[in-house]
Amino acid sequence: MSWKFDDGTPIYLQIAERIREQIASGEISPGGKVPTVREIAELAGVNPNTVQRALAELEASALVAAERGNGGRFVSDNPDLLAKLKHDMARTATGDFLAKMRKLGFEKAKTVGYLNEYKEES
């Protein structure tokens, strides 16, 4: 079963983002091994070169590093880098949510009210 991709963003960036989410959520733990290029390509239903480009993107940000002797790529165990990843993803999600609420016509106070209402329900 292949992943669903958005036509507006390059596939390699979407794959990199999916892996970032897996890292931020703990699905792939700090110091943990990232699935191989072949495994990701098969799951995503894409060319291995596309996955390679996504992983190169993650390596450029130091979130993932190749370890030649251990055979594969591993997630950084740098707590500051991982905290920044979570912080950046939270800000993006918050910005997306606020933009959607504005698009629906809700002002800031009403949006905060909905958040408080949701918080009380959960």
N, C-alpha and C. Protein backbone atom coordinates (compact mmCIF):
# COMPACT_ATOMS: atom_id res chain seq x y z
N MET A 1 0.85 -1.18 0.00
CA MET A 1 0.00 0.00 0.00
C MET A 1 0.89 1.24 0.00
N SER A 2 0.69 2.11 -0.96
CA SER A 2 1.55 3.27 -1.05
C SER A 2 0.95 4.46 -0.29
N TRP A 3 1.82 5.38 0.05
CA TRP A 3 1.41 6.59 0.77
C TRP A 3 0.68 7.51 -0.19
N LYS A 4 -0.09 8.43 0.37
CA LYS A 4 -0.77 9.44 -0.44
C LYS A 4 0.07 10.72 -0.41
N PHE A 5 0.30 11.29 -1.59
CA PHE A 5 1.12 12.48 -1.69
C PHE A 5 0.32 13.64 -2.24
N ASP A 6 0.69 14.83 -1.80
CA ASP A 6 0.09 16.09 -2.24
C ASP A 6 0.80 16.53 -3.52
N ASP A 7 0.04 16.92 -4.52
CA ASP A 7 0.62 17.34 -5.79
C ASP A 7 1.40 18.65 -5.70
N GLY A 8 1.14 19.45 -4.68
CA GLY A 8 1.75 20.78 -4.59
C GLY A 8 3.14 20.82 -4.00
N THR A 9 3.63 19.72 -3.46
CA THR A 9 4.94 19.67 -2.80
C THR A 9 5.73 18.50 -3.36
N PRO A 10 7.03 18.69 -3.61
CA PRO A 10 7.84 17.58 -4.11
C PRO A 10 7.74 16.35 -3.18
N ILE A 11 7.68 15.18 -3.78
CA ILE A 11 7.50 13.95 -3.02
C ILE A 11 8.62 13.73 -2.02
N TYR A 12 9.86 14.05 -2.40
CA TYR A 12 10.97 13.81 -1.47
C TYR A 12 10.82 14.64 -0.22
N LEU A 13 10.29 15.87 -0.35
CA LEU A 13 10.06 16.71 0.84
C LEU A 13 8.95 16.14 1.71
N GLN A 14 7.93 15.56 1.09
CA GLN A 14 6.85 14.94 1.85
C GLN A 14 7.33 13.70 2.60
N ILE A 15 8.22 12.95 1.98
CA ILE A 15 8.79 11.78 2.65
C ILE A 15 9.66 12.24 3.82
N ALA A 16 10.47 13.25 3.61
CA ALA A 16 11.32 13.79 4.69
C ALA A 16 10.44 14.27 5.84
N GLU A 17 9.34 14.92 5.53
CA GLU A 17 8.43 15.42 6.58
C GLU A 17 7.80 14.25 7.33
N ARG A 18 7.42 13.21 6.63
CA ARG A 18 6.83 12.03 7.27
C ARG A 18 7.83 11.41 8.25
N ILE A 19 9.09 11.34 7.85
CA ILE A 19 10.12 10.78 8.74
C ILE A 19 10.35 11.71 9.93
N ARG A 20 10.35 13.03 9.70
CA ARG A 20 10.47 13.99 10.81
C ARG A 20 9.35 13.76 11.83
N GLU A 21 8.13 13.56 11.33
CA GLU A 21 7.00 13.31 12.22
C GLU A 21 7.20 12.03 13.02
N GLN A 22 7.74 11.00 12.37
CA GLN A 22 7.99 9.74 13.07
C GLN A 22 9.05 9.92 14.15
N ILE A 23 10.02 10.77 13.88
CA ILE A 23 11.07 11.04 14.87
C ILE A 23 10.49 11.87 16.02
N ALA A 24 9.76 12.93 15.69
CA ALA A 24 9.20 13.81 16.72
C ALA A 24 8.23 13.07 17.63
N SER A 25 7.48 12.13 17.07
CA SER A 25 6.49 11.39 17.86
C SER A 25 7.11 10.25 18.66
N GLY A 26 8.37 9.93 18.36
CA GLY A 26 9.02 8.82 19.06
C GLY A 26 8.83 7.48 18.38
N GLU A 27 8.12 7.49 17.25
CA GLU A 27 7.94 6.24 16.50
C GLU A 27 9.31 5.69 16.08
N ILE A 28 10.22 6.60 15.70
CA ILE A 28 11.63 6.24 15.50
C ILE A 28 12.37 6.96 16.62
N SER A 29 12.94 6.24 17.53
CA SER A 29 13.51 6.82 18.74
C SER A 29 14.88 7.46 18.50
N PRO A 30 15.29 8.37 19.41
CA PRO A 30 16.62 8.97 19.32
C PRO A 30 17.68 7.86 19.30
N GLY A 31 18.58 7.94 18.35
CA GLY A 31 19.60 6.91 18.20
C GLY A 31 19.11 5.69 17.46
N GLY A 32 17.82 5.66 17.15
CA GLY A 32 17.23 4.51 16.47
C GLY A 32 17.55 4.48 15.00
N LYS A 33 17.46 3.31 14.44
CA LYS A 33 17.75 3.11 13.03
C LYS A 33 16.56 3.52 12.17
N VAL A 34 16.85 4.27 11.12
CA VAL A 34 15.84 4.68 10.15
C VAL A 34 15.67 3.51 9.18
N PRO A 35 14.44 3.23 8.74
CA PRO A 35 14.26 2.17 7.74
C PRO A 35 15.16 2.43 6.52
N THR A 36 15.50 1.38 5.82
CA THR A 36 16.38 1.51 4.66
C THR A 36 15.67 2.22 3.52
N VAL A 37 16.48 2.68 2.57
CA VAL A 37 15.95 3.32 1.37
C VAL A 37 14.96 2.38 0.69
N ARG A 38 15.35 1.14 0.55
CA ARG A 38 14.49 0.16 -0.13
C ARG A 38 13.18 -0.04 0.62
N GLU A 39 13.24 -0.14 1.94
CA GLU A 39 12.02 -0.33 2.74
C GLU A 39 11.07 0.86 2.59
N ILE A 40 11.62 2.06 2.70
CA ILE A 40 10.78 3.26 2.58
C ILE A 40 10.19 3.36 1.17
N ALA A 41 11.02 3.10 0.15
CA ALA A 41 10.55 3.18 -1.24
C ALA A 41 9.40 2.21 -1.49
N GLU A 42 9.53 1.02 -0.93
CA GLU A 42 8.48 0.02 -1.11
C GLU A 42 7.19 0.46 -0.40
N LEU A 43 7.32 0.93 0.84
CA LEU A 43 6.14 1.38 1.59
C LEU A 43 5.46 2.58 0.93
N ALA A 44 6.28 3.51 0.46
CA ALA A 44 5.75 4.75 -0.12
C ALA A 44 5.33 4.58 -1.57
N GLY A 45 5.80 3.52 -2.21
CA GLY A 45 5.48 3.31 -3.61
C GLY A 45 6.18 4.30 -4.53
N VAL A 46 7.44 4.62 -4.19
CA VAL A 46 8.21 5.58 -4.98
C VAL A 46 9.56 4.99 -5.37
N ASN A 47 10.24 5.71 -6.23
CA ASN A 47 11.58 5.32 -6.68
C ASN A 47 12.57 5.48 -5.53
N PRO A 48 13.50 4.55 -5.36
CA PRO A 48 14.51 4.67 -4.30
C PRO A 48 15.32 5.98 -4.37
N ASN A 49 15.51 6.51 -5.58
CA ASN A 49 16.24 7.79 -5.70
C ASN A 49 15.49 8.93 -4.99
N THR A 50 14.17 8.87 -5.02
CA THR A 50 13.36 9.88 -4.34
C THR A 50 13.57 9.78 -2.83
N VAL A 51 13.61 8.57 -2.31
CA VAL A 51 13.84 8.35 -0.88
C VAL A 51 15.25 8.79 -0.51
N GLN A 52 16.21 8.48 -1.37
CA GLN A 52 17.59 8.88 -1.12
C GLN A 52 17.68 10.40 -0.98
N ARG A 53 16.96 11.11 -1.82
CA ARG A 53 16.96 12.58 -1.76
C ARG A 53 16.32 13.07 -0.45
N ALA A 54 15.26 12.41 -0.01
CA ALA A 54 14.62 12.76 1.26
C ALA A 54 15.57 12.55 2.43
N LEU A 55 16.27 11.44 2.42
CA LEU A 55 17.20 11.15 3.51
C LEU A 55 18.39 12.11 3.48
N ALA A 56 18.82 12.51 2.29
CA ALA A 56 19.89 13.50 2.18
C ALA A 56 19.45 14.83 2.80
N GLU A 57 18.18 15.16 2.63
CA GLU A 57 17.60 16.37 3.23
C GLU A 57 17.68 16.27 4.77
N LEU A 58 17.36 15.12 5.31
CA LEU A 58 17.41 14.92 6.76
C LEU A 58 18.85 14.91 7.27
N GLU A 59 19.75 14.37 6.48
CA GLU A 59 21.16 14.38 6.86
C GLU A 59 21.72 15.80 6.87
N ALA A 60 21.29 16.61 5.92
CA ALA A 60 21.76 18.01 5.84
C ALA A 60 21.36 18.80 7.08
N SER A 61 20.25 18.42 7.70
CA SER A 61 19.81 19.10 8.91
C SER A 61 20.37 18.44 10.18
N ALA A 62 21.19 17.41 10.00
CA ALA A 62 21.83 16.66 11.09
C ALA A 62 20.82 15.87 11.93
N LEU A 63 19.61 15.74 11.46
CA LEU A 63 18.60 14.98 12.18
C LEU A 63 18.87 13.47 12.05
N VAL A 64 19.44 13.12 10.92
CA VAL A 64 19.78 11.73 10.62
C VAL A 64 21.24 11.69 10.17
N ALA A 65 21.95 10.64 10.54
CA ALA A 65 23.34 10.50 10.10
C ALA A 65 23.59 9.07 9.66
N ALA A 66 24.37 8.95 8.60
CA ALA A 66 24.77 7.62 8.12
C ALA A 66 25.94 7.14 8.96
N GLU A 67 25.87 5.90 9.38
CA GLU A 67 26.97 5.29 10.13
C GLU A 67 27.46 4.11 9.33
N ARG A 68 28.57 4.30 8.67
CA ARG A 68 29.10 3.28 7.76
C ARG A 68 29.34 1.93 8.43
N GLY A 69 29.97 1.93 9.58
CA GLY A 69 30.29 0.68 10.25
C GLY A 69 29.07 -0.08 10.74
N ASN A 70 28.01 0.65 11.09
CA ASN A 70 26.80 0.01 11.62
C ASN A 70 25.78 -0.30 10.53
N GLY A 71 26.06 0.13 9.32
CA GLY A 71 25.18 -0.18 8.20
C GLY A 71 23.81 0.45 8.28
N GLY A 72 23.73 1.71 8.00
CA GLY A 72 22.44 2.37 7.94
C GLY A 72 22.49 3.80 8.41
N ARG A 73 21.31 4.36 8.54
CA ARG A 73 21.16 5.73 9.02
C ARG A 73 20.47 5.69 10.36
N PHE A 74 20.91 6.58 11.23
CA PHE A 74 20.38 6.61 12.58
C PHE A 74 19.93 8.02 12.94
N VAL A 75 18.91 8.09 13.77
CA VAL A 75 18.38 9.38 14.24
C VAL A 75 19.36 9.98 15.24
N SER A 76 19.50 11.27 15.17
CA SER A 76 20.34 11.99 16.14
C SER A 76 19.82 11.73 17.55
N ASP A 77 20.74 11.68 18.50
CA ASP A 77 20.31 11.58 19.90
C ASP A 77 20.59 12.89 20.64
N ASN A 78 20.77 13.98 19.86
CA ASN A 78 21.00 15.31 20.42
C ASN A 78 19.67 15.86 20.96
N PRO A 79 19.54 15.98 22.29
CA PRO A 79 18.25 16.42 22.85
C PRO A 79 17.86 17.84 22.41
N ASP A 80 18.83 18.72 22.21
CA ASP A 80 18.50 20.08 21.77
C ASP A 80 17.94 20.08 20.36
N LEU A 81 18.54 19.30 19.48
CA LEU A 81 18.08 19.21 18.09
C LEU A 81 16.67 18.60 18.04
N LEU A 82 16.44 17.57 18.83
CA LEU A 82 15.13 16.93 18.84
C LEU A 82 14.06 17.83 19.46
N ALA A 83 14.43 18.60 20.49
CA ALA A 83 13.49 19.55 21.08
C ALA A 83 13.15 20.65 20.08
N LYS A 84 14.14 21.10 19.31
CA LYS A 84 13.89 22.12 18.30
C LYS A 84 12.97 21.58 17.21
N LEU A 85 13.18 20.32 16.82
CA LEU A 85 12.30 19.70 15.83
C LEU A 85 10.85 19.72 16.31
N LYS A 86 10.63 19.27 17.54
CA LYS A 86 9.26 19.25 18.09
C LYS A 86 8.68 20.66 18.17
N HIS A 87 9.49 21.61 18.62
CA HIS A 87 9.05 23.00 18.73
C HIS A 87 8.65 23.54 17.36
N ASP A 88 9.49 23.34 16.37
CA ASP A 88 9.20 23.83 15.02
C ASP A 88 7.94 23.20 14.45
N MET A 89 7.78 21.89 14.68
CA MET A 89 6.59 21.21 14.17
C MET A 89 5.33 21.69 14.88
N ALA A 90 5.44 21.96 16.17
CA ALA A 90 4.29 22.47 16.93
C ALA A 90 3.90 23.86 16.43
N ARG A 91 4.89 24.70 16.17
CA ARG A 91 4.60 26.05 15.66
C ARG A 91 3.93 25.98 14.29
N THR A 92 4.41 25.08 13.44
CA THR A 92 3.81 24.93 12.12
C THR A 92 2.36 24.45 12.23
N ALA A 93 2.13 23.45 13.08
CA ALA A 93 0.77 22.93 13.26
C ALA A 93 -0.15 24.01 13.82
N THR A 94 0.36 24.80 14.76
CA THR A 94 -0.44 25.88 15.35
C THR A 94 -0.75 26.93 14.29
N GLY A 95 0.24 27.30 13.51
CA GLY A 95 0.02 28.28 12.44
C GLY A 95 -0.99 27.80 11.42
N ASP A 96 -0.91 26.52 11.05
CA ASP A 96 -1.88 25.95 10.11
C ASP A 96 -3.29 25.99 10.68
N PHE A 97 -3.40 25.61 11.97
CA PHE A 97 -4.71 25.63 12.62
C PHE A 97 -5.29 27.04 12.66
N LEU A 98 -4.46 28.02 13.06
CA LEU A 98 -4.94 29.39 13.15
C LEU A 98 -5.33 29.93 11.78
N ALA A 99 -4.58 29.59 10.76
CA ALA A 99 -4.90 30.03 9.40
C ALA A 99 -6.25 29.45 8.96
N LYS A 100 -6.50 28.19 9.28
CA LYS A 100 -7.79 27.57 8.93
C LYS A 100 -8.94 28.25 9.68
N MET A 101 -8.71 28.54 10.95
CA MET A 101 -9.77 29.20 11.73
C MET A 101 -10.06 30.60 11.17
N ARG A 102 -9.01 31.33 10.81
CA ARG A 102 -9.23 32.66 10.20
C ARG A 102 -9.98 32.54 8.89
N LYS A 103 -9.63 31.53 8.11
CA LYS A 103 -10.30 31.30 6.83
C LYS A 103 -11.79 31.00 7.03
N LEU A 104 -12.10 30.34 8.14
CA LEU A 104 -13.50 30.04 8.47
C LEU A 104 -14.21 31.26 9.05
N GLY A 105 -13.46 32.33 9.30
CA GLY A 105 -14.06 33.57 9.78
C GLY A 105 -14.04 33.76 11.29
N PHE A 106 -13.27 32.94 11.99
CA PHE A 106 -13.21 33.07 13.44
C PHE A 106 -12.12 34.03 13.86
N GLU A 107 -12.47 34.89 14.79
CA GLU A 107 -11.48 35.81 15.36
C GLU A 107 -10.69 35.09 16.44
N LYS A 108 -9.62 35.72 16.86
CA LYS A 108 -8.70 35.12 17.84
C LYS A 108 -9.42 34.69 19.12
N ALA A 109 -10.27 35.55 19.67
CA ALA A 109 -10.95 35.24 20.93
C ALA A 109 -11.86 34.02 20.79
N LYS A 110 -12.55 33.91 19.69
CA LYS A 110 -13.44 32.77 19.46
C LYS A 110 -12.62 31.49 19.30
N THR A 111 -11.49 31.59 18.61
CA THR A 111 -10.61 30.43 18.43
C THR A 111 -10.08 29.95 19.78
N VAL A 112 -9.67 30.87 20.62
CA VAL A 112 -9.18 30.52 21.96
C VAL A 112 -10.32 29.87 22.75
N GLY A 113 -11.51 30.38 22.59
CA GLY A 113 -12.67 29.79 23.26
C GLY A 113 -12.88 28.34 22.85
N TYR A 114 -12.76 28.06 21.55
CA TYR A 114 -12.89 26.69 21.09
C TYR A 114 -11.78 25.80 21.66
N LEU A 115 -10.58 26.32 21.72
CA LEU A 115 -9.48 25.55 22.31
C LEU A 115 -9.74 25.22 23.77
N ASN A 116 -10.21 26.20 24.51
CA ASN A 116 -10.51 25.97 25.94
C ASN A 116 -11.65 24.96 26.10
N GLU A 117 -12.65 25.08 25.24
CA GLU A 117 -13.78 24.14 25.27
C GLU A 117 -13.28 22.72 25.00
N TYR A 118 -12.43 22.56 24.02
CA TYR A 118 -11.88 21.26 23.68
C TYR A 118 -11.02 20.71 24.82
N LYS A 119 -10.24 21.58 25.42
CA LYS A 119 -9.36 21.18 26.52
C LYS A 119 -10.18 20.65 27.70
N GLU A 120 -11.31 21.28 27.98
CA GLU A 120 -12.17 20.86 29.08
C GLU A 120 -12.85 19.53 28.79
N GLU A 121 -13.13 19.26 27.49
CA GLU A 121 -13.80 18.03 27.11
C GLU A 121 -12.86 16.81 27.14
N SER A 122 -11.57 17.06 26.94
CA SER A 122 -10.66 15.91 26.85
C SER A 122 -9.97 15.59 28.14
